[in-house]
C-alpha atoms as a PDB file:
ATOM      1  CA  MET A   1     -52.431  80.458  36.335  1.00  0.00           C
ATOM      2  CA  ASN A   2     -51.910  76.725  36.536  1.00  0.00           C
ATOM      3  CA  GLU A   3     -49.781  75.988  39.612  1.00  0.00           C
ATOM      4  CA  LYS A   4     -47.331  73.827  37.653  1.00  0.00           C
ATOM      5  CA  ASN A   5     -46.972  76.332  34.821  1.00  0.00           C
ATOM      6  CA  LYS A   6     -45.616  79.015  37.109  1.00  0.00           C
ATOM      7  CA  TYR A   7     -42.364  77.100  37.635  1.00  0.00           C
ATOM      8  CA  ASP A   8     -40.572  78.492  34.599  1.00  0.00           C
ATOM      9  CA  LEU A   9     -36.961  79.661  34.296  1.00  0.00           C
ATOM     10  CA  HIS A  10     -37.761  83.176  35.470  1.00  0.00           C
ATOM     11  CA  TYR A  11     -39.477  81.821  38.607  1.00  0.00           C
ATOM     12  CA  PHE A  12     -36.316  80.079  39.786  1.00  0.00           C
ATOM     13  CA  LEU A  13     -33.930  82.869  38.721  1.00  0.00           C
ATOM     14  CA  SER A  14     -35.939  85.445  40.685  1.00  0.00           C
ATOM     15  CA  ASP A  15     -36.084  83.376  43.900  1.00  0.00           C
ATOM     16  CA  ALA A  16     -33.255  84.285  46.282  1.00  0.00           C
ATOM     17  CA  SER A  17     -33.779  81.098  48.284  1.00  0.00           C
ATOM     18  CA  PHE A  18     -33.295  79.033  45.122  1.00  0.00           C
ATOM     19  CA  GLU A  19     -30.095  80.976  44.424  1.00  0.00           C
ATOM     20  CA  ASN A  20     -28.852  80.072  47.916  1.00  0.00           C
ATOM     21  CA  TRP A  21     -29.544  76.414  47.082  1.00  0.00           C
ATOM     22  CA  ALA A  22     -27.743  76.630  43.730  1.00  0.00           C
ATOM     23  CA  LYS A  23     -24.671  78.148  45.386  1.00  0.00           C
ATOM     24  CA  GLY A  24     -24.902  75.929  48.470  1.00  0.00           C
ATOM     25  CA  THR A  25     -24.800  78.916  50.828  1.00  0.00           C
ATOM     26  CA  ASN A  26     -27.740  78.309  53.191  1.00  0.00           C
ATOM     27  CA  LYS A  27     -28.422  74.937  54.791  1.00  0.00           C
ATOM     28  CA  ASN A  28     -32.120  75.663  55.323  1.00  0.00           C
ATOM     29  CA  ASP A  29     -32.590  76.584  51.665  1.00  0.00           C
ATOM     30  CA  ILE A  30     -30.538  73.573  50.570  1.00  0.00           C
ATOM     31  CA  ALA A  31     -32.744  71.231  52.605  1.00  0.00           C
ATOM     32  CA  TYR A  32     -35.923  72.899  51.351  1.00  0.00           C
ATOM     33  CA  TRP A  33     -35.047  72.772  47.646  1.00  0.00           C
ATOM     34  CA  ASN A  34     -33.612  69.245  47.795  1.00  0.00           C
ATOM     35  CA  ASN A  35     -36.925  68.096  49.222  1.00  0.00           C
ATOM     36  CA  TRP A  36     -38.925  70.183  46.708  1.00  0.00           C
ATOM     37  CA  ILE A  37     -36.997  68.801  43.740  1.00  0.00           C
ATOM     38  CA  GLN A  38     -37.430  65.253  44.989  1.00  0.00           C
ATOM     39  CA  ASN A  39     -41.200  65.764  44.971  1.00  0.00           C
ATOM     40  CA  ASN A  40     -41.339  67.766  41.723  1.00  0.00           C
ATOM     41  CA  THR A  41     -39.057  65.877  39.345  1.00  0.00           C
ATOM     42  CA  GLU A  42     -41.006  67.085  36.302  1.00  0.00           C
ATOM     43  CA  HIS A  43     -39.287  70.471  36.761  1.00  0.00           C
ATOM     44  CA  LEU A  44     -35.782  68.999  37.022  1.00  0.00           C
ATOM     45  CA  GLU A  45     -34.638  70.214  33.592  1.00  0.00           C
ATOM     46  CA  THR A  46     -35.731  73.803  34.304  1.00  0.00           C
ATOM     47  CA  VAL A  47     -34.120  73.628  37.737  1.00  0.00           C
ATOM     48  CA  GLU A  48     -30.808  72.499  36.259  1.00  0.00           C
ATOM     49  CA  ASN A  49     -30.911  75.244  33.606  1.00  0.00           C
ATOM     50  CA  ALA A  50     -31.579  77.874  36.247  1.00  0.00           C
ATOM     51  CA  LYS A  51     -28.786  76.528  38.421  1.00  0.00           C
ATOM     52  CA  SER A  52     -26.372  76.658  35.470  1.00  0.00           C
ATOM     53  CA  ILE A  53     -27.206  80.311  34.838  1.00  0.00           C
ATOM     54  CA  ILE A  54     -26.791  81.215  38.528  1.00  0.00           C
ATOM     55  CA  ILE A  55     -23.430  79.511  39.045  1.00  0.00           C
ATOM     56  CA  GLY A  56     -22.180  80.664  35.653  1.00  0.00           C
ATOM     57  CA  ILE A  57     -22.035  79.009  32.235  1.00  0.00           C
ATOM     58  CA  SER A  58     -19.950  79.679  29.146  1.00  0.00           C
ATOM     59  CA  PHE A  59     -21.378  79.946  25.643  1.00  0.00           C
ATOM     60  CA  ASN A  60     -19.619  78.410  22.661  1.00  0.00           C
ATOM     61  CA  GLN A  61     -20.820  80.598  19.845  1.00  0.00           C
ATOM     62  CA  GLU A  62     -20.223  79.027  16.424  1.00  0.00           C
ATOM     63  CA  TYR A  63     -21.665  80.545  13.294  1.00  0.00           C
ATOM     64  CA  PRO A  64     -21.793  78.842   9.864  1.00  0.00           C
ATOM     65  CA  SER A  65     -19.269  79.968   7.276  1.00  0.00           C
ATOM     66  CA  ASN A  66     -20.330  82.047   4.264  1.00  0.00           C
ATOM     67  CA  GLN A  67     -19.658  79.051   2.039  1.00  0.00           C
ATOM     68  CA  LYS A  68     -22.006  76.785   3.986  1.00  0.00           C
ATOM     69  CA  VAL A  69     -24.732  79.445   4.045  1.00  0.00           C
ATOM     70  CA  ASN A  70     -24.358  79.960   0.253  1.00  0.00           C
ATOM     71  CA  GLU A  71     -24.598  76.235  -0.360  1.00  0.00           C
ATOM     72  CA  ALA A  72     -27.717  75.984   1.779  1.00  0.00           C
ATOM     73  CA  LEU A  73     -29.315  78.927  -0.001  1.00  0.00           C
ATOM     74  CA  ALA A  74     -28.460  77.436  -3.405  1.00  0.00           C
ATOM     75  CA  ASN A  75     -30.354  74.294  -2.430  1.00  0.00           C
ATOM     76  CA  VAL A  76     -33.367  76.010  -0.876  1.00  0.00           C
ATOM     77  CA  LEU A  77     -34.103  79.057  -3.055  1.00  0.00           C
ATOM     78  CA  PRO A  78     -34.811  77.193  -6.314  1.00  0.00           C
ATOM     79  CA  LYS A  79     -37.388  75.086  -4.469  1.00  0.00           C
ATOM     80  CA  VAL A  80     -39.409  78.219  -3.656  1.00  0.00           C
ATOM     81  CA  GLY A  81     -39.077  79.608  -7.211  1.00  0.00           C
ATOM     82  CA  LEU A  82     -36.260  82.084  -6.630  1.00  0.00           C
ATOM     83  CA  ASN A  83     -33.078  82.379  -8.651  1.00  0.00           C
ATOM     84  CA  VAL A  84     -30.311  84.371  -7.058  1.00  0.00           C
ATOM     85  CA  SER A  85     -26.998  85.149  -8.700  1.00  0.00           C
ATOM     86  CA  LYS A  86     -23.774  84.326  -6.969  1.00  0.00           C
ATOM     87  CA  LYS A  87     -23.115  88.020  -6.499  1.00  0.00           C
ATOM     88  CA  SER A  88     -26.461  88.690  -4.898  1.00  0.00           C
ATOM     89  CA  ASN A  89     -26.126  85.452  -2.957  1.00  0.00           C
ATOM     90  CA  PHE A  90     -22.972  86.767  -1.412  1.00  0.00           C
ATOM     91  CA  LYS A  91     -24.546  90.083  -0.469  1.00  0.00           C
ATOM     92  CA  LYS A  92     -27.646  88.438   0.954  1.00  0.00           C
ATOM     93  CA  THR A  93     -25.535  85.924   2.812  1.00  0.00           C
ATOM     94  CA  ARG A  94     -23.398  88.611   4.317  1.00  0.00           C
ATOM     95  CA  THR A  95     -26.518  90.531   5.316  1.00  0.00           C
ATOM     96  CA  LEU A  96     -28.059  87.353   6.738  1.00  0.00           C
ATOM     97  CA  ASN A  97     -24.906  86.533   8.657  1.00  0.00           C
ATOM     98  CA  ASN A  98     -24.763  90.061  10.015  1.00  0.00           C
ATOM     99  CA  SER A  99     -28.405  89.785  11.069  1.00  0.00           C
ATOM    100  CA  ILE A 100     -27.800  86.452  12.771  1.00  0.00           C
ATOM    101  CA  ILE A 101     -24.757  87.773  14.610  1.00  0.00           C
ATOM    102  CA  THR A 102     -26.524  90.986  15.591  1.00  0.00           C
ATOM    103  CA  ALA A 103     -29.572  89.111  16.869  1.00  0.00           C
ATOM    104  CA  ALA A 104     -27.436  86.585  18.737  1.00  0.00           C
ATOM    105  CA  ALA A 105     -25.399  89.377  20.306  1.00  0.00           C
ATOM    106  CA  ALA A 106     -28.562  91.179  21.368  1.00  0.00           C
ATOM    107  CA  VAL A 107     -29.977  88.021  22.933  1.00  0.00           C
ATOM    108  CA  LEU A 108     -26.693  87.335  24.701  1.00  0.00           C
ATOM    109  CA  LEU A 109     -26.512  90.874  26.053  1.00  0.00           C
ATOM    110  CA  VAL A 110     -30.068  90.636  27.367  1.00  0.00           C
ATOM    111  CA  LEU A 111     -29.293  87.291  29.005  1.00  0.00           C
ATOM    112  CA  ILE A 112     -26.069  88.589  30.543  1.00  0.00           C
ATOM    113  CA  GLY A 113     -27.838  91.741  31.691  1.00  0.00           C
ATOM    114  CA  PHE A 114     -30.701  89.784  33.264  1.00  0.00           C
ATOM    115  CA  THR A 115     -28.342  87.356  34.974  1.00  0.00           C
ATOM    116  CA  THR A 116     -26.141  90.189  36.235  1.00  0.00           C
ATOM    117  CA  TYR A 117     -29.182  92.073  37.540  1.00  0.00           C
ATOM    118  CA  THR A 118     -30.480  88.951  39.262  1.00  0.00           C
ATOM    119  CA  TYR A 119     -27.085  88.272  40.839  1.00  0.00           C
ATOM    120  CA  LEU A 120     -26.496  91.834  41.991  1.00  0.00           C
ATOM    121  CA  ASN A 121     -30.060  92.293  43.209  1.00  0.00           C
ATOM    122  CA  TYR A 122     -30.518  89.056  45.135  1.00  0.00           C
ATOM    123  CA  ASN A 123     -26.957  88.582  46.293  1.00  0.00           C
ATOM    124  CA  THR A 124     -27.530  91.544  48.632  1.00  0.00           C
ATOM    125  CA  THR A 125     -30.541  89.915  50.322  1.00  0.00           C
ATOM    126  CA  THR A 126     -30.634  87.091  52.877  1.00  0.00           C
ATOM    127  CA  ILE A 127     -33.800  85.000  53.127  1.00  0.00           C
ATOM    128  CA  HIS A 128     -34.813  82.417  55.704  1.00  0.00           C
ATOM    129  CA  LYS A 129     -38.035  80.454  55.327  1.00  0.00           C
ATOM    130  CA  THR A 130     -39.548  77.358  56.864  1.00  0.00           C
ATOM    131  CA  ASN A 131     -41.508  74.438  55.487  1.00  0.00           C
ATOM    132  CA  PHE A 132     -44.867  73.405  56.865  1.00  0.00           C
ATOM    133  CA  GLY A 133     -44.394  72.102  60.405  1.00  0.00           C
ATOM    134  CA  GLU A 134     -40.761  73.265  60.601  1.00  0.00           C
ATOM    135  CA  ILE A 135     -39.337  75.513  63.339  1.00  0.00           C
ATOM    136  CA  ILE A 136     -35.822  76.933  63.064  1.00  0.00           C
ATOM    137  CA  ASP A 137     -33.595  78.960  65.381  1.00  0.00           C
ATOM    138  CA  LEU A 138     -31.626  81.746  63.707  1.00  0.00           C
ATOM    139  CA  LYS A 139     -28.863  84.082  64.780  1.00  0.00           C
ATOM    140  CA  LEU A 140     -28.802  87.313  62.796  1.00  0.00           C
ATOM    141  CA  PRO A 141     -25.523  89.111  61.990  1.00  0.00           C
ATOM    142  CA  ASP A 142     -26.074  91.645  64.804  1.00  0.00           C
ATOM    143  CA  GLY A 143     -26.528  88.867  67.398  1.00  0.00           C
ATOM    144  CA  THR A 144     -30.330  88.976  67.472  1.00  0.00           C
ATOM    145  CA  SER A 145     -32.007  85.591  68.000  1.00  0.00           C
ATOM    146  CA  VAL A 146     -35.043  84.619  65.939  1.00  0.00           C
ATOM    147  CA  VAL A 147     -37.265  81.555  66.224  1.00  0.00           C
ATOM    148  CA  LEU A 148     -39.177  81.166  62.961  1.00  0.00           C
ATOM    149  CA  ASN A 149     -42.406  79.159  63.035  1.00  0.00           C
ATOM    150  CA  GLY A 150     -43.588  76.826  60.274  1.00  0.00           C
ATOM    151  CA  ASN A 151     -44.690  78.240  56.923  1.00  0.00           C
ATOM    152  CA  SER A 152     -42.976  81.568  57.639  1.00  0.00           C
ATOM    153  CA  LYS A 153     -40.343  83.778  56.038  1.00  0.00           C
ATOM    154  CA  ILE A 154     -37.999  86.628  56.967  1.00  0.00           C
ATOM    155  CA  TRP A 155     -35.621  88.540  54.735  1.00  0.00           C
ATOM    156  CA  TYR A 156     -33.269  91.502  55.038  1.00  0.00           C
ATOM    157  CA  ASP A 157     -30.702  93.504  53.102  1.00  0.00           C
ATOM    158  CA  ASN A 158     -27.213  92.355  54.044  1.00  0.00           C
ATOM    159  CA  GLU A 159     -26.171  95.965  54.552  1.00  0.00           C
ATOM    160  CA  ASN A 160     -28.960  96.507  57.079  1.00  0.00           C
ATOM    161  CA  PRO A 161     -29.654  93.248  58.965  1.00  0.00           C
ATOM    162  CA  ARG A 162     -31.613  95.127  61.655  1.00  0.00           C
ATOM    163  CA  LEU A 163     -34.423  95.907  59.197  1.00  0.00           C
ATOM    164  CA  ILE A 164     -36.390  92.647  58.967  1.00  0.00           C
ATOM    165  CA  ASN A 165     -39.361  91.809  56.752  1.00  0.00           C
ATOM    166  CA  LEU A 166     -41.684  89.097  58.061  1.00  0.00           C
ATOM    167  CA  ILE A 167     -44.439  86.921  56.641  1.00  0.00           C
ATOM    168  CA  GLY A 168     -45.841  84.352  59.053  1.00  0.00           C
ATOM    169  CA  GLU A 169     -44.813  84.064  62.679  1.00  0.00           C
ATOM    170  CA  ALA A 170     -41.582  84.643  64.598  1.00  0.00           C
ATOM    171  CA  TYR A 171     -40.220  85.326  68.057  1.00  0.00           C
ATOM    172  CA  PHE A 172     -37.431  87.898  68.392  1.00  0.00           C
ATOM    173  CA  LYS A 173     -34.857  88.433  71.117  1.00  0.00           C
ATOM    174  CA  VAL A 174     -33.153  91.596  69.929  1.00  0.00           C
ATOM    175  CA  LYS A 175     -29.493  92.216  70.689  1.00  0.00           C
ATOM    176  CA  PRO A 176     -29.110  95.770  72.032  1.00  0.00           C
ATOM    177  CA  ILE A 177     -26.209  97.905  70.814  1.00  0.00           C
ATOM    178  CA  PRO A 178     -25.717 100.481  73.637  1.00  0.00           C
ATOM    179  CA  SER A 179     -22.784 102.245  71.965  1.00  0.00           C
ATOM    180  CA  THR A 180     -24.862 103.408  68.994  1.00  0.00           C
ATOM    181  CA  LYS A 181     -28.399 102.770  70.292  1.00  0.00           C
ATOM    182  CA  ALA A 182     -29.095 101.226  66.914  1.00  0.00           C
ATOM    183  CA  LYS A 183     -32.765 100.483  66.402  1.00  0.00           C
ATOM    184  CA  PHE A 184     -34.192  97.202  65.192  1.00  0.00           C
ATOM    185  CA  TRP A 185     -37.209  97.077  62.875  1.00  0.00           C
ATOM    186  CA  VAL A 186     -39.662  94.336  61.955  1.00  0.00           C
ATOM    187  CA  ILE A 187     -41.861  95.184  58.979  1.00  0.00           C
ATOM    188  CA  THR A 188     -45.129  93.387  58.169  1.00  0.00           C
ATOM    189  CA  GLU A 189     -47.892  94.141  55.706  1.00  0.00           C
ATOM    190  CA  ASP A 190     -49.786  95.988  58.460  1.00  0.00           C
ATOM    191  CA  LEU A 191     -47.189  97.860  60.513  1.00  0.00           C
ATOM    192  CA  LYS A 192     -43.586  98.471  61.572  1.00  0.00           C
ATOM    193  CA  VAL A 193     -42.192  97.424  64.937  1.00  0.00           C
ATOM    194  CA  GLU A 194     -39.457  99.737  66.253  1.00  0.00           C
ATOM    195  CA  VAL A 195     -37.170  98.178  68.854  1.00  0.00           C
ATOM    196  CA  LEU A 196     -34.066  99.099  70.851  1.00  0.00           C
ATOM    197  CA  GLY A 197     -33.551  95.800  72.661  1.00  0.00           C
ATOM    198  CA  THR A 198     -36.319  93.494  73.787  1.00  0.00           C
ATOM    199  CA  GLN A 199     -38.186  90.200  73.409  1.00  0.00           C
ATOM    200  CA  PHE A 200     -41.426  90.038  71.471  1.00  0.00           C
ATOM    201  CA  HIS A 201     -43.638  87.872  69.292  1.00  0.00           C
ATOM    202  CA  VAL A 202     -45.044  88.831  65.871  1.00  0.00           C
ATOM    203  CA  ASN A 203     -47.774  86.931  64.037  1.00  0.00           C
ATOM    204  CA  THR A 204     -49.011  88.030  60.590  1.00  0.00           C
ATOM    205  CA  ARG A 205     -51.682  85.334  60.204  1.00  0.00           C
ATOM    206  CA  LYS A 206     -55.436  85.986  59.799  1.00  0.00           C
ATOM    207  CA  GLN A 207     -54.949  89.053  57.546  1.00  0.00           C
ATOM    208  CA  LYS A 208     -53.629  91.099  60.467  1.00  0.00           C
ATOM    209  CA  THR A 209     -50.532  91.508  62.630  1.00  0.00           C
ATOM    210  CA  ASN A 210     -50.418  90.613  66.332  1.00  0.00           C
ATOM    211  CA  VAL A 211     -47.507  91.847  68.446  1.00  0.00           C
ATOM    212  CA  VAL A 212     -46.996  90.560  71.998  1.00  0.00           C
ATOM    213  CA  LEU A 213     -44.293  92.177  74.133  1.00  0.00           C
ATOM    214  CA  ASP A 214     -42.528  90.058  76.753  1.00  0.00           C
ATOM    215  CA  GLU A 215     -39.672  92.335  77.773  1.00  0.00           C
ATOM    216  CA  GLY A 216     -38.457  95.898  77.136  1.00  0.00           C
ATOM    217  CA  SER A 217     -40.444  98.451  75.132  1.00  0.00           C
ATOM    218  CA  ILE A 218     -41.351  98.919  71.495  1.00  0.00           C
ATOM    219  CA  HIS A 219     -43.126 101.394  69.244  1.00  0.00           C
ATOM    220  CA  LEU A 220     -45.499 100.375  66.490  1.00  0.00           C
ATOM    221  CA  GLU A 221     -45.782 102.612  63.449  1.00  0.00           C
ATOM    222  CA  LEU A 222     -49.001 102.144  61.479  1.00  0.00           C
ATOM    223  CA  ALA A 223     -49.428 102.883  57.788  1.00  0.00           C
ATOM    224  CA  ASN A 224     -51.250 106.170  58.518  1.00  0.00           C
ATOM    225  CA  GLY A 225     -48.335 107.425  60.603  1.00  0.00           C
ATOM    226  CA  ASP A 226     -49.896 106.764  64.026  1.00  0.00           C
ATOM    227  CA  VAL A 227     -47.483 105.432  66.648  1.00  0.00           C
ATOM    228  CA  THR A 228     -48.429 103.121  69.530  1.00  0.00           C
ATOM    229  CA  LYS A 229     -46.109 102.405  72.440  1.00  0.00           C
ATOM    230  CA  MET A 230     -46.181  98.996  74.120  1.00  0.00           C
ATOM    231  CA  ILE A 231     -45.080  97.819  77.552  1.00  0.00           C
ATOM    232  CA  PRO A 232     -44.432  94.211  78.653  1.00  0.00           C
ATOM    233  CA  GLY A 233     -47.527  92.061  78.996  1.00  0.00           C
ATOM    234  CA  GLU A 234     -49.483  93.826  76.258  1.00  0.00           C
ATOM    235  CA  ILE A 235     -50.789  92.742  72.867  1.00  0.00           C
ATOM    236  CA  VAL A 236     -51.530  94.985  69.913  1.00  0.00           C
ATOM    237  CA  SER A 237     -53.488  93.723  66.936  1.00  0.00           C
ATOM    238  CA  PHE A 238     -53.861  95.737  63.727  1.00  0.00           C
ATOM    239  CA  SER A 239     -55.123  95.083  60.195  1.00  0.00           C
ATOM    240  CA  ASN A 240     -54.140  97.526  57.479  1.00  0.00           C
ATOM    241  CA  GLU A 241     -57.147  96.303  55.500  1.00  0.00           C
ATOM    242  CA  SER A 242     -59.829  96.852  58.141  1.00  0.00           C
ATOM    243  CA  LYS A 243     -57.937  99.634  59.980  1.00  0.00           C
ATOM    244  CA  LYS A 244     -59.043  97.968  63.231  1.00  0.00           C
ATOM    245  CA  LEU A 245     -56.655  98.397  66.182  1.00  0.00           C
ATOM    246  CA  THR A 246     -56.854  96.655  69.554  1.00  0.00           C
ATOM    247  CA  HIS A 247     -54.430  97.339  72.417  1.00  0.00           C
ATOM    248  CA  LYS A 248     -54.838  95.430  75.663  1.00  0.00           C
ATOM    249  CA  LYS A 249     -53.200  93.321  78.341  1.00  0.00           C
ATOM    250  CA  VAL A 250     -52.272  89.773  77.347  1.00  0.00           C
ATOM    251  CA  ASP A 251     -54.862  87.105  78.038  1.00  0.00           C
ATOM    252  CA  ILE A 252     -52.818  84.474  79.855  1.00  0.00           C
ATOM    253  CA  GLU A 253     -55.119  81.747  78.496  1.00  0.00           C
ATOM    254  CA  THR A 254     -54.138  82.560  74.899  1.00  0.00           C
ATOM    255  CA  PRO A 255     -51.028  80.758  73.588  1.00  0.00           C
ATOM    256  CA  TYR A 256     -48.962  83.310  71.711  1.00  0.00           C
ATOM    257  CA  ALA A 257     -45.358  82.194  71.376  1.00  0.00           C
ATOM    258  CA  LEU A 258     -45.297  78.883  73.216  1.00  0.00           C
ATOM    259  CA  TRP A 259     -44.932  77.112  69.865  1.00  0.00           C
ATOM    260  CA  ARG A 260     -41.215  77.968  69.853  1.00  0.00           C
ATOM    261  CA  GLY A 261     -40.606  75.293  72.482  1.00  0.00           C
ATOM    262  CA  GLY A 262     -42.003  72.646  70.131  1.00  0.00           C
ATOM    263  CA  THR A 263     -45.374  72.435  71.905  1.00  0.00           C
ATOM    264  CA  TYR A 264     -48.721  74.193  71.632  1.00  0.00           C
ATOM    265  CA  THR A 265     -50.047  74.864  75.130  1.00  0.00           C
ATOM    266  CA  PHE A 266     -53.759  75.576  75.480  1.00  0.00           C
ATOM    267  CA  ASN A 267     -56.032  76.433  78.391  1.00  0.00           C
ATOM    268  CA  GLU A 268     -59.745  76.131  77.608  1.00  0.00           C
ATOM    269  CA  ILE A 269     -59.245  77.330  74.022  1.00  0.00           C
ATOM    270  CA  PRO A 270     -61.992  76.553  71.428  1.00  0.00           C
ATOM    271  CA  LEU A 271     -61.044  73.758  69.055  1.00  0.00           C
ATOM    272  CA  LYS A 272     -61.444  76.053  66.016  1.00  0.00           C
ATOM    273  CA  GLU A 273     -58.563  78.229  67.332  1.00  0.00           C
ATOM    274  CA  VAL A 274     -56.386  75.175  67.863  1.00  0.00           C
ATOM    275  CA  MET A 275     -57.129  73.875  64.372  1.00  0.00           C
ATOM    276  CA  TYR A 276     -56.314  77.266  62.882  1.00  0.00           C
ATOM    277  CA  ASN A 277     -52.763  76.817  64.188  1.00  0.00           C
ATOM    278  CA  LEU A 278     -52.573  73.569  62.232  1.00  0.00           C
ATOM    279  CA  GLU A 279     -53.904  75.243  59.089  1.00  0.00           C
ATOM    280  CA  THR A 280     -51.253  77.959  59.091  1.00  0.00           C
ATOM    281  CA  THR A 281     -48.374  75.800  60.303  1.00  0.00           C
ATOM    282  CA  TYR A 282     -48.948  72.706  58.156  1.00  0.00           C
ATOM    283  CA  GLY A 283     -50.833  74.132  55.167  1.00  0.00           C
ATOM    284  CA  VAL A 284     -53.896  71.941  55.696  1.00  0.00           C
ATOM    285  CA  GLU A 285     -57.620  72.721  55.450  1.00  0.00           C
ATOM    286  CA  VAL A 286     -60.106  71.981  58.235  1.00  0.00           C
ATOM    287  CA  SER A 287     -63.806  71.203  57.987  1.00  0.00           C
ATOM    288  CA  TYR A 288     -66.320  70.238  60.694  1.00  0.00           C
ATOM    289  CA  GLU A 289     -69.047  67.624  60.561  1.00  0.00           C
ATOM    290  CA  LEU A 290     -71.097  69.648  63.081  1.00  0.00           C
ATOM    291  CA  ASP A 291     -70.769  73.304  64.076  1.00  0.00           C
ATOM    292  CA  TYR A 292     -70.724  72.651  67.823  1.00  0.00           C
ATOM    293  CA  LEU A 293     -67.399  70.831  67.416  1.00  0.00           C
ATOM    294  CA  LYS A 294     -65.701  74.165  66.658  1.00  0.00           C
ATOM    295  CA  GLU A 295     -66.383  75.368  70.211  1.00  0.00           C
ATOM    296  CA  LEU A 296     -65.146  72.309  72.095  1.00  0.00           C
ATOM    297  CA  PRO A 297     -62.656  73.537  74.735  1.00  0.00           C
ATOM    298  CA  ILE A 298     -59.179  72.083  74.732  1.00  0.00           C
ATOM    299  CA  SER A 299     -56.441  72.257  77.372  1.00  0.00           C
ATOM    300  CA  GLY A 300     -52.947  70.871  77.690  1.00  0.00           C
ATOM    301  CA  GLY A 301     -49.777  70.556  75.652  1.00  0.00           C
ATOM    302  CA  ILE A 302     -49.696  69.294  72.073  1.00  0.00           C
ATOM    303  CA  PRO A 303     -46.445  68.548  70.163  1.00  0.00           C
ATOM    304  CA  ASN A 304     -46.398  70.799  67.102  1.00  0.00           C
ATOM    305  CA  GLN A 305     -43.604  69.355  64.967  1.00  0.00           C
ATOM    306  CA  ASN A 306     -45.400  66.249  63.725  1.00  0.00           C
ATOM    307  CA  LEU A 307     -48.866  66.523  62.213  1.00  0.00           C
ATOM    308  CA  GLN A 308     -49.959  62.959  62.952  1.00  0.00           C
ATOM    309  CA  ILE A 309     -48.938  63.192  66.608  1.00  0.00           C
ATOM    310  CA  CYS A 310     -50.630  66.584  66.834  1.00  0.00           C
ATOM    311  CA  ILE A 311     -53.883  65.202  65.417  1.00  0.00           C
ATOM    312  CA  ALA A 312     -53.796  62.219  67.788  1.00  0.00           C
ATOM    313  CA  ALA A 313     -53.298  64.505  70.803  1.00  0.00           C
ATOM    314  CA  ILE A 314     -56.217  66.737  69.771  1.00  0.00           C
ATOM    315  CA  GLU A 315     -58.469  63.716  69.260  1.00  0.00           C
ATOM    316  CA  LYS A 316     -57.638  62.475  72.740  1.00  0.00           C
ATOM    317  CA  ALA A 317     -58.150  65.891  74.355  1.00  0.00           C
ATOM    318  CA  THR A 318     -61.517  66.557  72.675  1.00  0.00           C
ATOM    319  CA  GLY A 319     -62.962  63.085  72.184  1.00  0.00           C
ATOM    320  CA  THR A 320     -63.329  63.713  68.459  1.00  0.00           C
ATOM    321  CA  ARG A 321     -62.308  61.824  65.348  1.00  0.00           C
ATOM    322  CA  ILE A 322     -60.127  63.691  62.808  1.00  0.00           C
ATOM    323  CA  ILE A 323     -59.774  62.196  59.328  1.00  0.00           C
ATOM    324  CA  ASN A 324     -56.855  63.392  57.179  1.00  0.00           C
ATOM    325  CA  ASN A 325     -57.780  63.020  53.509  1.00  0.00           C
ATOM    326  CA  ASP A 326     -55.166  64.578  51.224  1.00  0.00           C
ATOM    327  CA  ASN A 327     -54.373  67.391  53.703  1.00  0.00           C
ATOM    328  CA  ILE A 328     -58.046  68.144  54.370  1.00  0.00           C
ATOM    329  CA  LEU A 329     -58.797  67.477  58.058  1.00  0.00           C
ATOM    330  CA  ARG A 330     -62.390  66.468  58.727  1.00  0.00           C
ATOM    331  CA  VAL A 331     -63.373  66.861  62.386  1.00  0.00           C
ATOM    332  CA  GLN A 332     -66.143  64.415  63.343  1.00  0.00           C
ATOM    333  CA  GLU A 333     -67.857  63.025  66.386  1.00  0.00           C
ATOM    334  CA  ASN A 334     -66.165  59.872  67.597  1.00  0.00           C
ATOM    335  CA  PRO A 335     -68.654  57.004  67.215  1.00  0.00           C
ATOM    336  CA  ILE A 336     -66.924  55.108  70.019  1.00  0.00           C
ATOM    337  CA  ASN A 337     -67.812  57.767  72.600  1.00  0.00           C
END
């Protein structure tokens, strides 16, 4: 499907984040959609129509009188070789009017039903998502803190805010509820994380889910029913597609959740791993002039909330030249070196 063609009325009506923007109920969604609309003005009419349906519109239904319909028929039918008596005109007109009213009523009922379904269905769900390069701090209704990395999304049913769905990357500091020992769940495409009260990092990039536990204890439930228990300082990686599971101590040289402080921190990490962070966070593509450039080690801190500054820091740390051409980053040898 053409990317632009997908933005039809149904697309906007079925997007809970767009509904939040239309109703002005979520500042993150408001900022996202205001920016999107500014850069996609060709969809403005569809956006406004969708907004009108979401916030509620009234229909002024006016149907032509029998006299006007008869007059129109009297003018049209002779032109197509038909002669209709006044009596039959009246019967046909009444039948036509009834058909018009019935069809209009059916369409209206479908529209009302669809709008009602959309409202009832999505008004029960809260969604938070980030733009490329954006990091936001969230406080969930139960008191749990979440730091959501760029190009990521979480959503939950308002009646069960301790059951979180995640796409992308997030850091959780779960609020324990000792009185009820209520569990907290994070669900990804690969597994479920069961928590009582703890701090952990979840990353769903690279067609797998990585979970790193900083504090407390958690259980991971895989799709086949297997359960893995984690203790602080461990990482579990699992792909539902490959069925490959790794469970080991954290490699202190690997930067897992340091992005939440606004800086990537690396210690002798290959450049290709560093650039992958840029790909997933900023939505860019990376290519290399020479293969050996992928393995160049990089150490130090790199600001991760501005792509240009990030690129400049990587160039300085590796002695390379990185050309940004329409969000395609070309890593080259620096001719000055």
